N, C-alpha and C. Protein backbone atom coordinates (compact mmCIF):
# COMPACT_ATOMS: atom_id res chain seq x y z
N MET A 1 0.86 -1.08 -0.04
CA MET A 1 -0.01 0.03 0.12
C MET A 1 0.90 1.35 0.03
N THR A 2 0.37 2.38 -0.59
CA THR A 2 1.13 3.56 -0.76
C THR A 2 0.49 4.51 0.20
N ASN A 3 1.30 5.12 1.25
CA ASN A 3 0.67 6.13 2.13
C ASN A 3 0.03 7.22 1.49
N GLY A 4 -1.15 7.48 1.77
CA GLY A 4 -2.08 8.60 1.27
C GLY A 4 -2.81 8.12 -0.06
N TRP A 5 -2.58 7.02 -0.59
CA TRP A 5 -3.41 6.66 -1.80
C TRP A 5 -4.62 5.99 -1.45
N LEU A 6 -5.51 6.27 -2.41
CA LEU A 6 -6.95 5.41 -2.15
C LEU A 6 -6.88 4.13 -2.99
N HIS A 7 -6.93 2.94 -2.38
CA HIS A 7 -6.79 1.47 -2.88
C HIS A 7 -8.11 1.19 -2.84
N THR A 8 -8.73 0.68 -4.03
CA THR A 8 -9.92 0.07 -4.24
C THR A 8 -9.87 -1.30 -4.63
N GLY A 9 -11.23 -1.93 -4.28
CA GLY A 9 -11.30 -3.49 -4.52
C GLY A 9 -12.72 -3.88 -4.46
N THR A 10 -13.08 -5.20 -4.59
CA THR A 10 -14.31 -5.84 -4.39
C THR A 10 -13.99 -7.02 -3.67
N ILE A 11 -15.11 -7.27 -2.88
CA ILE A 11 -15.19 -8.28 -1.72
C ILE A 11 -16.47 -9.00 -2.38
N ASP A 12 -16.31 -10.52 -2.84
CA ASP A 12 -17.33 -11.29 -3.07
C ASP A 12 -17.68 -12.11 -1.91
N ILE A 13 -18.64 -12.76 -1.75
CA ILE A 13 -19.29 -13.51 -0.53
C ILE A 13 -18.22 -14.50 -0.27
N GLY A 14 -17.77 -14.40 1.07
CA GLY A 14 -16.70 -15.32 1.43
C GLY A 14 -15.22 -14.96 1.32
N ASP A 15 -15.22 -13.80 0.65
CA ASP A 15 -13.68 -13.38 0.05
C ASP A 15 -13.10 -12.33 0.99
N PHE A 16 -11.84 -12.40 0.75
CA PHE A 16 -11.16 -11.34 1.45
C PHE A 16 -10.03 -10.86 0.63
N ASP A 17 -9.58 -9.72 0.83
CA ASP A 17 -8.45 -9.03 0.13
C ASP A 17 -7.24 -8.91 1.06
N ILE A 18 -5.93 -9.04 0.68
CA ILE A 18 -4.74 -8.87 1.27
C ILE A 18 -3.96 -7.73 0.68
N TRP A 19 -3.54 -6.73 1.68
CA TRP A 19 -2.70 -5.66 1.14
C TRP A 19 -1.38 -5.64 2.24
N SER A 20 -0.42 -5.03 1.95
CA SER A 20 0.77 -4.91 2.91
C SER A 20 1.21 -3.57 2.61
N PHE A 21 1.93 -3.32 3.88
CA PHE A 21 2.90 -1.73 3.81
C PHE A 21 4.21 -2.11 4.48
N SER A 22 5.28 -1.37 4.42
CA SER A 22 6.35 -1.28 5.35
C SER A 22 6.18 -0.26 6.54
N GLY A 23 6.71 -0.72 7.51
CA GLY A 23 6.59 0.18 8.59
C GLY A 23 7.81 0.02 9.65
N ASN A 24 8.08 1.09 10.49
CA ASN A 24 9.00 0.96 11.46
C ASN A 24 8.41 1.24 12.80
N ALA A 25 9.28 0.58 13.78
CA ALA A 25 8.62 0.85 15.18
C ALA A 25 8.59 2.16 15.62
N GLY A 26 7.59 2.54 16.05
CA GLY A 26 7.16 3.89 16.48
C GLY A 26 6.39 4.71 15.53
N ASP A 27 6.19 4.13 14.29
CA ASP A 27 5.26 4.63 13.27
C ASP A 27 3.75 4.62 13.73
N SER A 28 3.17 5.80 13.50
CA SER A 28 1.58 5.65 13.74
C SER A 28 1.01 5.55 12.47
N VAL A 29 -0.07 4.39 12.42
CA VAL A 29 -0.81 4.24 11.05
C VAL A 29 -2.25 4.31 11.41
N SER A 30 -2.91 4.62 10.45
CA SER A 30 -4.46 4.67 10.26
C SER A 30 -5.02 4.14 9.21
N LEU A 31 -5.65 3.03 9.10
CA LEU A 31 -6.23 2.42 8.01
C LEU A 31 -7.74 2.58 8.04
N ARG A 32 -8.37 3.19 7.00
CA ARG A 32 -9.76 3.48 6.79
C ARG A 32 -10.24 2.68 5.75
N MET A 33 -11.43 1.90 5.89
CA MET A 33 -11.84 1.25 4.84
C MET A 33 -13.50 1.74 4.68
N GLY A 34 -13.90 2.16 3.49
CA GLY A 34 -15.28 2.46 3.43
C GLY A 34 -15.94 1.45 2.20
N GLY A 35 -17.05 0.80 2.48
CA GLY A 35 -17.78 -0.06 1.90
C GLY A 35 -19.11 0.31 1.19
N THR A 36 -19.19 -0.43 -0.04
CA THR A 36 -20.32 -0.16 -0.86
C THR A 36 -20.97 -1.36 -0.64
N ASN A 37 -22.22 -1.67 -0.20
CA ASN A 37 -23.16 -2.92 -0.10
C ASN A 37 -22.52 -3.80 0.78
N LEU A 38 -21.56 -3.24 1.59
CA LEU A 38 -20.89 -4.21 2.74
C LEU A 38 -20.52 -3.42 3.84
N VAL A 39 -20.52 -4.14 4.91
CA VAL A 39 -20.10 -3.52 6.40
C VAL A 39 -18.66 -4.16 6.23
N PRO A 40 -17.73 -3.03 6.31
CA PRO A 40 -16.20 -3.54 6.09
C PRO A 40 -15.61 -3.85 7.49
N ARG A 41 -14.51 -4.68 7.51
CA ARG A 41 -13.86 -5.19 8.56
C ARG A 41 -12.26 -5.22 8.07
N ILE A 42 -11.35 -4.77 9.08
CA ILE A 42 -9.98 -4.45 8.77
C ILE A 42 -9.33 -5.44 9.75
N ASP A 43 -8.30 -6.26 9.52
CA ASP A 43 -7.41 -6.85 10.22
C ASP A 43 -5.87 -6.53 10.05
N LEU A 44 -5.30 -6.30 10.99
CA LEU A 44 -3.72 -6.06 10.87
C LEU A 44 -3.04 -7.01 11.65
N TYR A 45 -1.90 -7.39 10.71
CA TYR A 45 -0.88 -8.48 11.31
C TYR A 45 0.52 -8.07 11.25
N ALA A 46 1.37 -8.33 12.29
CA ALA A 46 2.75 -7.87 12.29
C ALA A 46 3.61 -8.56 11.35
N PRO A 47 4.81 -8.14 11.19
CA PRO A 47 5.62 -8.84 10.31
C PRO A 47 5.78 -10.22 10.55
N ASN A 48 5.71 -10.75 11.80
CA ASN A 48 6.03 -12.19 12.05
C ASN A 48 4.67 -12.72 12.12
N GLY A 49 3.62 -12.23 11.42
CA GLY A 49 2.19 -12.86 11.14
C GLY A 49 1.35 -13.15 12.67
N THR A 50 1.81 -12.46 13.57
CA THR A 50 0.96 -12.27 14.81
C THR A 50 -0.07 -11.10 14.43
N PHE A 51 -1.35 -11.57 14.93
CA PHE A 51 -2.42 -10.79 14.91
C PHE A 51 -2.16 -9.54 15.92
N MET A 52 -2.51 -8.36 15.30
CA MET A 52 -2.32 -7.14 16.14
C MET A 52 -3.71 -6.52 16.58
N ASP A 53 -4.63 -6.29 15.57
CA ASP A 53 -5.93 -5.62 16.02
C ASP A 53 -6.90 -5.88 14.97
N SER A 54 -8.33 -5.56 15.25
CA SER A 54 -9.29 -5.82 14.20
C SER A 54 -10.05 -4.33 14.17
N ALA A 55 -10.85 -4.12 13.23
CA ALA A 55 -11.74 -2.89 13.41
C ALA A 55 -13.01 -3.21 12.39
N PRO A 56 -14.03 -3.66 13.08
CA PRO A 56 -15.10 -3.78 12.09
C PRO A 56 -15.85 -2.46 12.20
N ALA A 57 -16.74 -2.17 11.19
CA ALA A 57 -17.40 -0.91 11.23
C ALA A 57 -18.05 -0.65 12.56
N LEU A 58 -18.16 0.69 13.01
CA LEU A 58 -18.43 0.76 14.43
C LEU A 58 -19.94 0.23 14.88
N SER A 59 -20.90 0.54 13.87
CA SER A 59 -22.29 -0.16 14.06
C SER A 59 -22.66 -1.14 13.15
N PRO A 60 -22.23 -2.44 13.40
CA PRO A 60 -22.14 -3.50 12.44
C PRO A 60 -23.69 -3.94 11.98
N GLY A 61 -24.57 -3.17 12.37
CA GLY A 61 -26.08 -3.31 12.04
C GLY A 61 -26.43 -3.09 10.62
N GLY A 62 -25.33 -2.57 9.89
CA GLY A 62 -25.49 -2.49 8.37
C GLY A 62 -25.59 -0.87 8.06
N GLU A 63 -25.94 0.04 8.92
CA GLU A 63 -25.91 1.39 8.63
C GLU A 63 -24.64 2.11 8.59
N ASN A 64 -23.54 1.65 9.03
CA ASN A 64 -22.34 2.17 9.15
C ASN A 64 -21.36 1.35 8.14
N ARG A 65 -20.79 2.03 7.11
CA ARG A 65 -20.15 1.46 6.08
C ARG A 65 -18.64 1.95 6.05
N ASP A 66 -18.23 2.41 7.34
CA ASP A 66 -16.85 2.78 7.45
C ASP A 66 -16.15 2.12 8.55
N ALA A 67 -14.80 1.66 8.42
CA ALA A 67 -14.22 1.11 9.61
C ALA A 67 -12.70 1.65 9.73
N THR A 68 -12.19 2.02 10.74
CA THR A 68 -11.00 2.81 11.04
C THR A 68 -10.24 2.00 11.96
N LEU A 69 -8.92 1.59 11.81
CA LEU A 69 -8.17 1.04 12.73
C LEU A 69 -6.70 1.90 12.67
N THR A 70 -6.61 2.23 14.21
CA THR A 70 -5.18 2.81 14.19
C THR A 70 -4.26 2.24 15.21
N ALA A 71 -2.95 2.40 15.02
CA ALA A 71 -2.04 1.55 15.74
C ALA A 71 -0.67 2.42 15.67
N THR A 72 0.21 1.99 16.89
CA THR A 72 1.50 2.56 17.04
C THR A 72 2.27 1.06 16.74
N LEU A 73 3.04 1.22 15.43
CA LEU A 73 3.69 0.05 15.48
C LEU A 73 4.91 -0.15 16.46
N THR A 74 5.01 -1.58 16.96
CA THR A 74 6.14 -1.77 17.90
C THR A 74 7.38 -2.48 17.28
N ASN A 75 7.37 -2.91 16.12
CA ASN A 75 8.53 -3.45 15.42
C ASN A 75 8.54 -3.04 14.07
N SER A 76 9.59 -3.34 13.13
CA SER A 76 9.78 -2.94 11.94
C SER A 76 9.34 -4.03 11.02
N GLY A 77 9.05 -3.54 9.71
CA GLY A 77 9.05 -4.81 8.73
C GLY A 77 7.72 -4.54 7.89
N THR A 78 7.38 -5.55 7.08
CA THR A 78 6.28 -5.52 6.41
C THR A 78 4.87 -6.05 7.11
N PHE A 79 3.97 -5.31 7.20
CA PHE A 79 2.74 -5.24 7.95
C PHE A 79 1.59 -6.00 6.71
N VAL A 80 0.74 -6.85 7.39
CA VAL A 80 -0.28 -7.36 6.36
C VAL A 80 -1.56 -6.79 6.91
N VAL A 81 -2.50 -6.32 5.88
CA VAL A 81 -3.84 -5.80 6.09
C VAL A 81 -4.74 -6.78 5.31
N LEU A 82 -5.50 -7.31 5.99
CA LEU A 82 -6.59 -8.23 5.66
C LEU A 82 -7.81 -7.46 5.57
N VAL A 83 -8.62 -7.26 4.40
CA VAL A 83 -9.91 -6.74 4.54
C VAL A 83 -10.98 -7.60 4.13
N SER A 84 -12.16 -7.35 4.70
CA SER A 84 -13.28 -8.30 4.31
C SER A 84 -14.56 -7.73 4.67
N SER A 85 -15.69 -8.57 4.50
CA SER A 85 -17.00 -8.07 5.11
C SER A 85 -17.29 -8.47 6.57
N TYR A 86 -17.83 -7.76 7.42
CA TYR A 86 -18.01 -8.11 8.47
C TYR A 86 -19.04 -9.35 8.71
N TYR A 87 -19.88 -9.35 7.85
CA TYR A 87 -20.87 -10.45 7.66
C TYR A 87 -20.38 -11.40 6.48
N LEU A 88 -20.52 -12.76 6.84
CA LEU A 88 -20.04 -13.83 5.95
C LEU A 88 -20.70 -13.71 4.62
N ASN A 89 -21.92 -13.11 4.39
CA ASN A 89 -22.53 -13.14 3.23
C ASN A 89 -22.60 -11.66 2.58
N GLY A 90 -21.61 -11.02 3.02
CA GLY A 90 -21.53 -9.47 2.65
C GLY A 90 -20.63 -9.57 1.42
N ALA A 91 -21.14 -8.60 0.39
CA ALA A 91 -20.17 -8.31 -0.81
C ALA A 91 -20.47 -7.00 -1.23
N GLY A 92 -19.40 -6.49 -1.70
CA GLY A 92 -19.49 -5.04 -2.43
C GLY A 92 -18.07 -4.57 -2.77
N GLY A 93 -18.06 -3.25 -3.12
CA GLY A 93 -16.89 -2.71 -3.47
C GLY A 93 -16.37 -2.01 -2.07
N TYR A 94 -14.94 -1.46 -2.12
CA TYR A 94 -14.58 -0.80 -0.94
C TYR A 94 -13.47 0.14 -1.41
N ALA A 95 -13.19 1.01 -0.71
CA ALA A 95 -11.95 2.08 -0.83
C ALA A 95 -11.29 1.79 0.60
N LEU A 96 -9.91 1.49 0.45
CA LEU A 96 -9.16 1.65 1.55
C LEU A 96 -7.89 2.69 1.41
N THR A 97 -7.70 3.33 2.72
CA THR A 97 -6.50 4.39 2.43
C THR A 97 -5.68 3.95 4.00
N LEU A 98 -4.30 4.48 3.75
CA LEU A 98 -3.38 4.31 4.64
C LEU A 98 -2.72 5.49 4.86
N ALA A 99 -2.85 6.18 6.24
CA ALA A 99 -2.15 7.30 6.74
C ALA A 99 -1.01 6.69 7.64
N GLN A 100 0.28 7.13 7.44
CA GLN A 100 1.36 6.64 8.12
C GLN A 100 2.36 7.75 8.50
N THR A 101 2.78 7.86 9.73
CA THR A 101 3.86 8.92 10.09
C THR A 101 4.52 8.32 11.09
N PRO A 102 5.85 8.69 10.95
CA PRO A 102 6.47 9.31 9.76
C PRO A 102 6.45 8.25 8.63
N GLU A 103 6.47 8.81 7.38
CA GLU A 103 6.55 7.86 6.11
C GLU A 103 7.98 6.95 6.14
N PRO A 104 7.87 5.75 5.79
CA PRO A 104 8.96 4.97 5.89
C PRO A 104 9.91 5.53 4.67
N GLU A 105 11.18 5.41 4.90
CA GLU A 105 12.48 5.84 4.17
C GLU A 105 12.48 4.77 2.95
N GLU A 106 12.73 5.31 1.78
CA GLU A 106 13.04 4.42 0.77
C GLU A 106 14.34 3.89 0.68
């Protein structure tokens, strides 16, 4: 994922998409996913594969189509972002953004 870019995709029933980004210990990250016809869910995994956090939409009753996950990274490496529908039978389009400070050096 590129910091500040709008990444788009589609979730089919039972599907999920995987994204990744590089980060350093101490970086602050915010992931935001907006869904069309689905209630979004974001899961974040550390470089060693350890589950870090999950963020379903704030009101999974169906009326909220945005999920936001914020974290301060405790180690460095490539982090994995798994996006899906909060509901197993959910499907639709989504937009995903990453806001990261400070930005990783190239």
